[in-house]
Structure formats: structure tokens, C-alpha cells
Amino acid sequence: DGVFEAPLMPAGAAFPRKLTGREEIRSAMAAYYE
């Protein structure tokens, strides 16, 4: 249930602003790394 936040990121930026849960972190960061 981990949370990964980048509070200074604007909405809609390539780097996600907030991810909740391991699976959301996995999928969003895979897209960002690509």
C-alpha cells in the first residue's frame, strides 16, 4: 500500500505526482522509464 509522491510536480507532467500502491507505482514508473 506504499505511496510515492512528488508534491512539486504539476498535474499532467511526465513524472507522476502521486502513486498509491505497489502496482500503480510499478505501471506508472515503467511508463515513465520508457
Full PDB file with SEQRES, HELIX, SHEET, SSBOND, CRYST1, ORIGX, SCALE, CONECT and MASTER records, all heavy atoms in Angstrom:
SEQRES   1 A   34  ASP GLY VAL PHE GLU ALA PRO LEU MET PRO ALA GLY ALA          
SEQRES   2 A   34  ALA PHE PRO ARG LYS LEU THR GLY ARG GLU GLU ILE ARG          
SEQRES   3 A   34  SER ALA MET ALA ALA TYR TYR GLU                              
HELIX    1 AA1 ARG A   22  TYR A   33  1                                  12    
SHEET    1 AA1 2 VAL A   3  GLU A   5  0                                        
SHEET    2 AA1 2 LYS A  18  THR A  20 -1                                        
CRYST1    1.000    1.000    1.000  90.00  90.00  90.00 P 1           1          
ORIGX1      1.000000  0.000000  0.000000        0.00000                         
ORIGX2      0.000000  1.000000  0.000000        0.00000                         
ORIGX3      0.000000  0.000000  1.000000        0.00000                         
SCALE1      1.000000  0.000000  0.000000        0.00000                         
SCALE2      0.000000  1.000000  0.000000        0.00000                         
SCALE3      0.000000  0.000000  1.000000        0.00000                         
ATOM      1  N   ASP A   1       0.819  -1.222   0.000  1.00  0.00           N  
ATOM      2  CA  ASP A   1       0.000   0.000   0.000  1.00  0.00           C  
ATOM      3  C   ASP A   1       0.851   1.270   0.000  1.00  0.00           C  
ATOM      4  O   ASP A   1       0.377   2.358   0.312  1.00  0.00           O  
ATOM      5  CB  ASP A   1      -0.933   0.010   1.209  1.00  0.00           C  
ATOM      6  CG  ASP A   1      -0.179  -0.014   2.542  1.00  0.00           C  
ATOM      7  OD1 ASP A   1       1.034  -0.314   2.561  1.00  0.00           O  
ATOM      8  OD2 ASP A   1      -0.812   0.260   3.575  1.00  0.00           O  
ATOM      9  N   GLY A   2       2.115   1.158  -0.385  1.00  0.00           N  
ATOM     10  CA  GLY A   2       3.044   2.289  -0.358  1.00  0.00           C  
ATOM     11  C   GLY A   2       2.580   3.455  -1.210  1.00  0.00           C  
ATOM     12  O   GLY A   2       1.836   3.296  -2.183  1.00  0.00           O  
ATOM     13  N   VAL A   3       3.048   4.643  -0.834  1.00  0.00           N  
ATOM     14  CA  VAL A   3       2.708   5.876  -1.554  1.00  0.00           C  
ATOM     15  C   VAL A   3       4.005   6.542  -1.994  1.00  0.00           C  
ATOM     16  O   VAL A   3       4.938   6.693  -1.203  1.00  0.00           O  
ATOM     17  CB  VAL A   3       1.889   6.838  -0.658  1.00  0.00           C  
ATOM     18  CG1 VAL A   3       1.616   8.150  -1.373  1.00  0.00           C  
ATOM     19  CG2 VAL A   3       0.594   6.175  -0.213  1.00  0.00           C  
ATOM     20  N   PHE A   4       4.046   6.938  -3.259  1.00  0.00           N  
ATOM     21  CA  PHE A   4       5.185   7.627  -3.842  1.00  0.00           C  
ATOM     22  C   PHE A   4       4.678   8.975  -4.336  1.00  0.00           C  
ATOM     23  O   PHE A   4       3.838   9.031  -5.225  1.00  0.00           O  
ATOM     24  CB  PHE A   4       5.731   6.792  -4.991  1.00  0.00           C  
ATOM     25  CG  PHE A   4       6.967   7.331  -5.667  1.00  0.00           C  
ATOM     26  CD1 PHE A   4       7.707   8.376  -5.154  1.00  0.00           C  
ATOM     27  CD2 PHE A   4       7.399   6.748  -6.845  1.00  0.00           C  
ATOM     28  CE1 PHE A   4       8.843   8.837  -5.792  1.00  0.00           C  
ATOM     29  CE2 PHE A   4       8.537   7.196  -7.500  1.00  0.00           C  
ATOM     30  CZ  PHE A   4       9.259   8.246  -6.971  1.00  0.00           C  
ATOM     31  N   GLU A   5       5.178  10.049  -3.727  1.00  0.00           N  
ATOM     32  CA  GLU A   5       4.694  11.389  -4.076  1.00  0.00           C  
ATOM     33  C   GLU A   5       5.838  12.279  -4.544  1.00  0.00           C  
ATOM     34  O   GLU A   5       6.937  12.218  -4.017  1.00  0.00           O  
ATOM     35  CB  GLU A   5       4.087  12.073  -2.852  1.00  0.00           C  
ATOM     36  CG  GLU A   5       2.812  11.468  -2.352  1.00  0.00           C  
ATOM     37  CD  GLU A   5       2.297  12.253  -1.167  1.00  0.00           C  
ATOM     38  OE1 GLU A   5       2.698  11.929  -0.036  1.00  0.00           O  
ATOM     39  OE2 GLU A   5       1.512  13.199  -1.401  1.00  0.00           O  
ATOM     40  N   ALA A   6       5.519  13.133  -5.509  1.00  0.00           N  
ATOM     41  CA  ALA A   6       6.398  14.217  -5.950  1.00  0.00           C  
ATOM     42  C   ALA A   6       5.537  15.485  -5.878  1.00  0.00           C  
ATOM     43  O   ALA A   6       5.000  15.933  -6.878  1.00  0.00           O  
ATOM     44  CB  ALA A   6       6.910  13.958  -7.359  1.00  0.00           C  
ATOM     45  N   PRO A   7       5.368  16.037  -4.675  1.00  0.00           N  
ATOM     46  CA  PRO A   7       4.397  17.117  -4.456  1.00  0.00           C  
ATOM     47  C   PRO A   7       4.607  18.373  -5.294  1.00  0.00           C  
ATOM     48  O   PRO A   7       3.663  19.129  -5.502  1.00  0.00           O  
ATOM     49  CB  PRO A   7       4.544  17.448  -2.972  1.00  0.00           C  
ATOM     50  CG  PRO A   7       5.218  16.285  -2.357  1.00  0.00           C  
ATOM     51  CD  PRO A   7       6.047  15.664  -3.432  1.00  0.00           C  
ATOM     52  N   LEU A   8       5.816  18.611  -5.787  1.00  0.00           N  
ATOM     53  CA  LEU A   8       6.066  19.825  -6.564  1.00  0.00           C  
ATOM     54  C   LEU A   8       5.767  19.662  -8.051  1.00  0.00           C  
ATOM     55  O   LEU A   8       5.798  20.648  -8.797  1.00  0.00           O  
ATOM     56  CB  LEU A   8       7.519  20.282  -6.372  1.00  0.00           C  
ATOM     57  CG  LEU A   8       7.938  20.568  -4.924  1.00  0.00           C  
ATOM     58  CD1 LEU A   8       9.398  20.982  -4.869  1.00  0.00           C  
ATOM     59  CD2 LEU A   8       7.045  21.619  -4.283  1.00  0.00           C  
ATOM     60  N   MET A   9       5.485  18.452  -8.485  1.00  0.00           N  
ATOM     61  CA  MET A   9       5.199  18.219  -9.904  1.00  0.00           C  
ATOM     62  C   MET A   9       3.828  18.773 -10.263  1.00  0.00           C  
ATOM     63  O   MET A   9       2.853  18.558  -9.547  1.00  0.00           O  
ATOM     64  CB  MET A   9       5.219  16.719 -10.227  1.00  0.00           C  
ATOM     65  CG  MET A   9       6.590  16.095 -10.197  1.00  0.00           C  
ATOM     66  SD  MET A   9       7.811  16.864 -11.282  1.00  0.00           S  
ATOM     67  CE  MET A   9       7.108  16.583 -12.875  1.00  0.00           C  
ATOM     68  N   PRO A  10       3.723  19.457 -11.400  1.00  0.00           N  
ATOM     69  CA  PRO A  10       2.409  19.934 -11.832  1.00  0.00           C  
ATOM     70  C   PRO A  10       1.573  18.772 -12.365  1.00  0.00           C  
ATOM     71  O   PRO A  10       2.121  17.762 -12.831  1.00  0.00           O  
ATOM     72  CB  PRO A  10       2.745  20.925 -12.953  1.00  0.00           C  
ATOM     73  CG  PRO A  10       4.093  20.510 -13.450  1.00  0.00           C  
ATOM     74  CD  PRO A  10       4.809  19.884 -12.282  1.00  0.00           C  
ATOM     75  N   ALA A  11       0.287  18.917 -12.297  1.00  0.00           N  
ATOM     76  CA  ALA A  11      -0.619  17.896 -12.839  1.00  0.00           C  
ATOM     77  C   ALA A  11      -0.328  17.715 -14.324  1.00  0.00           C  
ATOM     78  O   ALA A  11      -0.047  18.676 -15.036  1.00  0.00           O  
ATOM     79  CB  ALA A  11      -2.066  18.317 -12.612  1.00  0.00           C  
ATOM     80  N   GLY A  12      -0.360  16.478 -14.785  1.00  0.00           N  
ATOM     81  CA  GLY A  12      -0.163  16.189 -16.198  1.00  0.00           C  
ATOM     82  C   GLY A  12       1.286  16.087 -16.637  1.00  0.00           C  
ATOM     83  O   GLY A  12       1.559  15.856 -17.814  1.00  0.00           O  
ATOM     84  N   ALA A  13       2.240  16.241 -15.728  1.00  0.00           N  
ATOM     85  CA  ALA A  13       3.664  16.119 -16.078  1.00  0.00           C  
ATOM     86  C   ALA A  13       4.001  14.662 -16.370  1.00  0.00           C  
ATOM     87  O   ALA A  13       3.289  13.748 -15.937  1.00  0.00           O  
ATOM     88  CB  ALA A  13       4.524  16.653 -14.936  1.00  0.00           C  
ATOM     89  N   ALA A  14       5.097  14.448 -17.104  1.00  0.00           N  
ATOM     90  CA  ALA A  14       5.518  13.078 -17.424  1.00  0.00           C  
ATOM     91  C   ALA A  14       5.852  12.296 -16.161  1.00  0.00           C  
ATOM     92  O   ALA A  14       5.543  11.118 -16.051  1.00  0.00           O  
ATOM     93  CB  ALA A  14       6.722  13.100 -18.366  1.00  0.00           C  
ATOM     94  N   PHE A  15       6.482  12.964 -15.189  1.00  0.00           N  
ATOM     95  CA  PHE A  15       6.788  12.307 -13.922  1.00  0.00           C  
ATOM     96  C   PHE A  15       5.534  12.366 -13.060  1.00  0.00           C  
ATOM     97  O   PHE A  15       4.964  13.432 -12.860  1.00  0.00           O  
ATOM     98  CB  PHE A  15       7.955  13.006 -13.213  1.00  0.00           C  
ATOM     99  CG  PHE A  15       8.519  12.213 -12.065  1.00  0.00           C  
ATOM    100  CD1 PHE A  15       9.542  11.309 -12.281  1.00  0.00           C  
ATOM    101  CD2 PHE A  15       8.027  12.366 -10.783  1.00  0.00           C  
ATOM    102  CE1 PHE A  15      10.073  10.571 -11.229  1.00  0.00           C  
ATOM    103  CE2 PHE A  15       8.543  11.631  -9.726  1.00  0.00           C  
ATOM    104  CZ  PHE A  15       9.573  10.730  -9.956  1.00  0.00           C  
ATOM    105  N   PRO A  16       5.070  11.226 -12.545  1.00  0.00           N  
ATOM    106  CA  PRO A  16       3.822  11.216 -11.784  1.00  0.00           C  
ATOM    107  C   PRO A  16       3.903  12.005 -10.475  1.00  0.00           C  
ATOM    108  O   PRO A  16       4.927  12.006  -9.803  1.00  0.00           O  
ATOM    109  CB  PRO A  16       3.577   9.739 -11.496  1.00  0.00           C  
ATOM    110  CG  PRO A  16       4.802   9.015 -11.900  1.00  0.00           C  
ATOM    111  CD  PRO A  16       5.692   9.924 -12.659  1.00  0.00           C  
ATOM    112  N   ARG A  17       2.815  12.663 -10.132  1.00  0.00           N  
ATOM    113  CA  ARG A  17       2.753  13.466  -8.910  1.00  0.00           C  
ATOM    114  C   ARG A  17       2.484  12.597  -7.678  1.00  0.00           C  
ATOM    115  O   ARG A  17       3.069  12.812  -6.626  1.00  0.00           O  
ATOM    116  CB  ARG A  17       1.663  14.527  -9.056  1.00  0.00           C  
ATOM    117  CG  ARG A  17       1.577  15.437  -7.871  1.00  0.00           C  
ATOM    118  CD  ARG A  17       0.473  16.473  -8.058  1.00  0.00           C  
ATOM    119  NE  ARG A  17       0.242  17.136  -6.805  1.00  0.00           N  
ATOM    120  CZ  ARG A  17       0.576  18.383  -6.564  1.00  0.00           C  
ATOM    121  NH1 ARG A  17       1.122  19.113  -7.495  1.00  0.00           N  
ATOM    122  NH2 ARG A  17       0.341  18.911  -5.381  1.00  0.00           N  
ATOM    123  N   LYS A  18       1.579  11.622  -7.801  1.00  0.00           N  
ATOM    124  CA  LYS A  18       1.275  10.747  -6.659  1.00  0.00           C  
ATOM    125  C   LYS A  18       0.845   9.383  -7.176  1.00  0.00           C  
ATOM    126  O   LYS A  18      -0.016   9.278  -8.042  1.00  0.00           O  
ATOM    127  CB  LYS A  18       0.169  11.345  -5.792  1.00  0.00           C  
ATOM    128  CG  LYS A  18      -0.116  10.513  -4.545  1.00  0.00           C  
ATOM    129  CD  LYS A  18      -1.144  11.179  -3.644  1.00  0.00           C  
ATOM    130  CE  LYS A  18      -1.381  10.351  -2.391  1.00  0.00           C  
ATOM    131  NZ  LYS A  18      -2.369  10.978  -1.511  1.00  0.00           N  
ATOM    132  N   LEU A  19       1.469   8.365  -6.600  1.00  0.00           N  
ATOM    133  CA  LEU A  19       1.140   6.978  -6.932  1.00  0.00           C  
ATOM    134  C   LEU A  19       0.826   6.259  -5.634  1.00  0.00           C  
ATOM    135  O   LEU A  19       1.574   6.381  -4.666  1.00  0.00           O  
ATOM    136  CB  LEU A  19       2.326   6.307  -7.637  1.00  0.00           C  
ATOM    137  CG  LEU A  19       2.807   6.996  -8.917  1.00  0.00           C  
ATOM    138  CD1 LEU A  19       4.105   6.376  -9.393  1.00  0.00           C  
ATOM    139  CD2 LEU A  19       1.734   6.928  -9.988  1.00  0.00           C  
ATOM    140  N   THR A  20      -0.245   5.496  -5.639  1.00  0.00           N  
ATOM    141  CA  THR A  20      -0.662   4.786  -4.432  1.00  0.00           C  
ATOM    142  C   THR A  20      -0.737   3.297  -4.715  1.00  0.00           C  
ATOM    143  O   THR A  20      -1.462   2.871  -5.620  1.00  0.00           O  
ATOM    144  CB  THR A  20      -2.032   5.307  -3.944  1.00  0.00           C  
ATOM    145  OG1 THR A  20      -1.928   6.716  -3.733  1.00  0.00           O  
ATOM    146  CG2 THR A  20      -2.450   4.623  -2.652  1.00  0.00           C  
ATOM    147  N   GLY A  21       0.008   2.529  -3.963  1.00  0.00           N  
ATOM    148  CA  GLY A  21       0.019   1.078  -4.105  1.00  0.00           C  
ATOM    149  C   GLY A  21       1.144   0.617  -5.010  1.00  0.00           C  
ATOM    150  O   GLY A  21       1.514   1.279  -5.975  1.00  0.00           O  
ATOM    151  N   ARG A  22       1.670  -0.537  -4.673  1.00  0.00           N  
ATOM    152  CA  ARG A  22       2.812  -1.091  -5.399  1.00  0.00           C  
ATOM    153  C   ARG A  22       2.531  -1.258  -6.885  1.00  0.00           C  
ATOM    154  O   ARG A  22       3.374  -0.971  -7.727  1.00  0.00           O  
ATOM    155  CB  ARG A  22       3.194  -2.429  -4.769  1.00  0.00           C  
ATOM    156  CG  ARG A  22       4.492  -2.988  -5.298  1.00  0.00           C  
ATOM    157  CD  ARG A  22       4.820  -4.337  -4.694  1.00  0.00           C  
ATOM    158  NE  ARG A  22       5.200  -4.192  -3.305  1.00  0.00           N  
ATOM    159  CZ  ARG A  22       5.116  -5.178  -2.409  1.00  0.00           C  
ATOM    160  NH1 ARG A  22       4.628  -6.358  -2.756  1.00  0.00           N  
ATOM    161  NH2 ARG A  22       5.500  -4.990  -1.165  1.00  0.00           N  
ATOM    162  N   GLU A  23       1.327  -1.712  -7.231  1.00  0.00           N  
ATOM    163  CA  GLU A  23       1.021  -1.961  -8.641  1.00  0.00           C  
ATOM    164  C   GLU A  23       0.927  -0.671  -9.441  1.00  0.00           C  
ATOM    165  O   GLU A  23       1.372  -0.610 -10.593  1.00  0.00           O  
ATOM    166  CB  GLU A  23      -0.242  -2.804  -8.785  1.00  0.00           C  
ATOM    167  CG  GLU A  23      -0.074  -4.220  -8.243  1.00  0.00           C  
ATOM    168  CD  GLU A  23       1.219  -4.897  -8.725  1.00  0.00           C  
ATOM    169  OE1 GLU A  23       1.521  -4.877  -9.941  1.00  0.00           O  
ATOM    170  OE2 GLU A  23       1.956  -5.444  -7.868  1.00  0.00           O  
ATOM    171  N   GLU A  24       0.370   0.390  -8.848  1.00  0.00           N  
ATOM    172  CA  GLU A  24       0.324   1.675  -9.550  1.00  0.00           C  
ATOM    173  C   GLU A  24       1.742   2.233  -9.705  1.00  0.00           C  
ATOM    174  O   GLU A  24       2.090   2.805 -10.753  1.00  0.00           O  
ATOM    175  CB  GLU A  24      -0.570   2.675  -8.813  1.00  0.00           C  
ATOM    176  CG  GLU A  24      -0.762   3.956  -9.586  1.00  0.00           C  
ATOM    177  CD  GLU A  24      -1.741   4.923  -8.945  1.00  0.00           C  
ATOM    178  OE1 GLU A  24      -2.087   4.764  -7.756  1.00  0.00           O  
ATOM    179  OE2 GLU A  24      -2.148   5.862  -9.650  1.00  0.00           O  
ATOM    180  N   ILE A  25       2.561   2.077  -8.689  1.00  0.00           N  
ATOM    181  CA  ILE A  25       3.957   2.516  -8.771  1.00  0.00           C  
ATOM    182  C   ILE A  25       4.657   1.762  -9.903  1.00  0.00           C  
ATOM    183  O   ILE A  25       5.340   2.366 -10.737  1.00  0.00           O  
ATOM    184  CB  ILE A  25       4.681   2.308  -7.421  1.00  0.00           C  
ATOM    185  CG1 ILE A  25       4.106   3.256  -6.369  1.00  0.00           C  
ATOM    186  CG2 ILE A  25       6.198   2.483  -7.568  1.00  0.00           C  
ATOM    187  CD1 ILE A  25       4.504   2.940  -4.935  1.00  0.00           C  
ATOM    188  N   ARG A  26       4.455   0.459  -9.960  1.00  0.00           N  
ATOM    189  CA  ARG A  26       5.090  -0.379 -10.994  1.00  0.00           C  
ATOM    190  C   ARG A  26       4.694   0.090 -12.398  1.00  0.00           C  
ATOM    191  O   ARG A  26       5.550   0.337 -13.243  1.00  0.00           O  
ATOM    192  CB  ARG A  26       4.691  -1.840 -10.792  1.00  0.00           C  
ATOM    193  CG  ARG A  26       5.369  -2.809 -11.741  1.00  0.00           C  
ATOM    194  CD  ARG A  26       4.854  -4.249 -11.571  1.00  0.00           C  
ATOM    195  NE  ARG A  26       4.526  -4.633 -10.230  1.00  0.00           N  
ATOM    196  CZ  ARG A  26       5.383  -5.109  -9.317  1.00  0.00           C  
ATOM    197  NH1 ARG A  26       6.654  -5.259  -9.625  1.00  0.00           N  
ATOM    198  NH2 ARG A  26       4.981  -5.462  -8.111  1.00  0.00           N  
ATOM    199  N   SER A  27       3.422   0.222 -12.662  1.00  0.00           N  
ATOM    200  CA  SER A  27       2.977   0.543 -14.022  1.00  0.00           C  
ATOM    201  C   SER A  27       3.321   1.981 -14.419  1.00  0.00           C  
ATOM    202  O   SER A  27       3.781   2.225 -15.535  1.00  0.00           O  
ATOM    203  CB  SER A  27       1.482   0.265 -14.192  1.00  0.00           C  
ATOM    204  OG  SER A  27       0.718   1.087 -13.339  1.00  0.00           O  
ATOM    205  N   ALA A  28       3.124   2.932 -13.520  1.00  0.00           N  
ATOM    206  CA  ALA A  28       3.416   4.332 -13.858  1.00  0.00           C  
ATOM    207  C   ALA A  28       4.908   4.566 -14.050  1.00  0.00           C  
ATOM    208  O   ALA A  28       5.319   5.295 -14.961  1.00  0.00           O  
ATOM    209  CB  ALA A  28       2.859   5.262 -12.777  1.00  0.00           C  
ATOM    210  N   MET A  29       5.725   3.951 -13.219  1.00  0.00           N  
ATOM    211  CA  MET A  29       7.166   4.157 -13.353  1.00  0.00           C  
ATOM    212  C   MET A  29       7.716   3.420 -14.575  1.00  0.00           C  
ATOM    213  O   MET A  29       8.659   3.900 -15.209  1.00  0.00           O  
ATOM    214  CB  MET A  29       7.890   3.768 -12.072  1.00  0.00           C  
ATOM    215  CG  MET A  29       7.566   4.699 -10.899  1.00  0.00           C  
ATOM    216  SD  MET A  29       7.749   6.472 -11.261  1.00  0.00           S  
ATOM    217  CE  MET A  29       9.527   6.585 -11.476  1.00  0.00           C  
ATOM    218  N   ALA A  30       7.128   2.288 -14.954  1.00  0.00           N  
ATOM    219  CA  ALA A  30       7.549   1.614 -16.191  1.00  0.00           C  
ATOM    220  C   ALA A  30       7.300   2.536 -17.380  1.00  0.00           C  
ATOM    221  O   ALA A  30       8.168   2.677 -18.262  1.00  0.00           O  
ATOM    222  CB  ALA A  30       6.801   0.295 -16.363  1.00  0.00           C  
ATOM    223  N   ALA A  31       6.153   3.187 -17.408  1.00  0.00           N  
ATOM    224  CA  ALA A  31       5.844   4.121 -18.492  1.00  0.00           C  
ATOM    225  C   ALA A  31       6.797   5.314 -18.464  1.00  0.00           C  
ATOM    226  O   ALA A  31       7.289   5.752 -19.507  1.00  0.00           O  
ATOM    227  CB  ALA A  31       4.393   4.587 -18.387  1.00  0.00           C  
ATOM    228  N   TYR A  32       7.079   5.828 -17.267  1.00  0.00           N  
ATOM    229  CA  TYR A  32       7.989   6.966 -17.166  1.00  0.00           C  
ATOM    230  C   TYR A  32       9.398   6.578 -17.601  1.00  0.00           C  
ATOM    231  O   TYR A  32      10.054   7.310 -18.339  1.00  0.00           O  
ATOM    232  CB  TYR A  32       8.019   7.527 -15.741  1.00  0.00           C  
ATOM    233  CG  TYR A  32       9.007   8.656 -15.637  1.00  0.00           C  
ATOM    234  CD1 TYR A  32       8.740   9.886 -16.220  1.00  0.00           C  
ATOM    235  CD2 TYR A  32      10.238   8.474 -15.016  1.00  0.00           C  
ATOM    236  CE1 TYR A  32       9.671  10.919 -16.179  1.00  0.00           C  
ATOM    237  CE2 TYR A  32      11.166   9.503 -14.966  1.00  0.00           C  
ATOM    238  CZ  TYR A  32      10.883  10.714 -15.549  1.00  0.00           C  
ATOM    239  OH  TYR A  32      11.798  11.726 -15.516  1.00  0.00           O  
ATOM    240  N   TYR A  33       9.893   5.423 -17.179  1.00  0.00           N  
ATOM    241  CA  TYR A  33      11.239   4.993 -17.558  1.00  0.00           C  
ATOM    242  C   TYR A  33      11.348   4.807 -19.070  1.00  0.00           C  
ATOM    243  O   TYR A  33      12.387   5.087 -19.659  1.00  0.00           O  
ATOM    244  CB  TYR A  33      11.637   3.708 -16.828  1.00  0.00           C  
ATOM    245  CG  TYR A  33      11.841   3.882 -15.346  1.00  0.00           C  
ATOM    246  CD1 TYR A  33      11.554   2.841 -14.471  1.00  0.00           C  
ATOM    247  CD2 TYR A  33      12.312   5.073 -14.812  1.00  0.00           C  
ATOM    248  CE1 TYR A  33      11.744   2.991 -13.107  1.00  0.00           C  
ATOM    249  CE2 TYR A  33      12.495   5.233 -13.452  1.00  0.00           C  
ATOM    250  CZ  TYR A  33      12.202   4.182 -12.609  1.00  0.00           C  
ATOM    251  OH  TYR A  33      12.382   4.332 -11.250  1.00  0.00           O  
ATOM    252  N   GLU A  34      10.287   4.326 -19.708  1.00  0.00           N  
ATOM    253  CA  GLU A  34      10.303   4.177 -21.168  1.00  0.00           C  
ATOM    254  C   GLU A  34      10.468   5.553 -21.825  1.00  0.00           C  
ATOM    255  O   GLU A  34      11.259   5.724 -22.737  1.00  0.00           O  
ATOM    256  CB  GLU A  34       9.021   3.506 -21.643  1.00  0.00           C  
ATOM    257  CG  GLU A  34       9.014   3.228 -23.123  1.00  0.00           C  
ATOM    258  CD  GLU A  34       7.779   2.488 -23.556  1.00  0.00           C  
ATOM    259  OE1 GLU A  34       7.324   1.584 -22.818  1.00  0.00           O  
ATOM    260  OE2 GLU A  34       7.251   2.822 -24.634  1.00  0.00           O  
TER     261      GLU A  34                                                      
MASTER        0    0    0    1    2    0    0    6  260    1    0    3          
END                                                                             
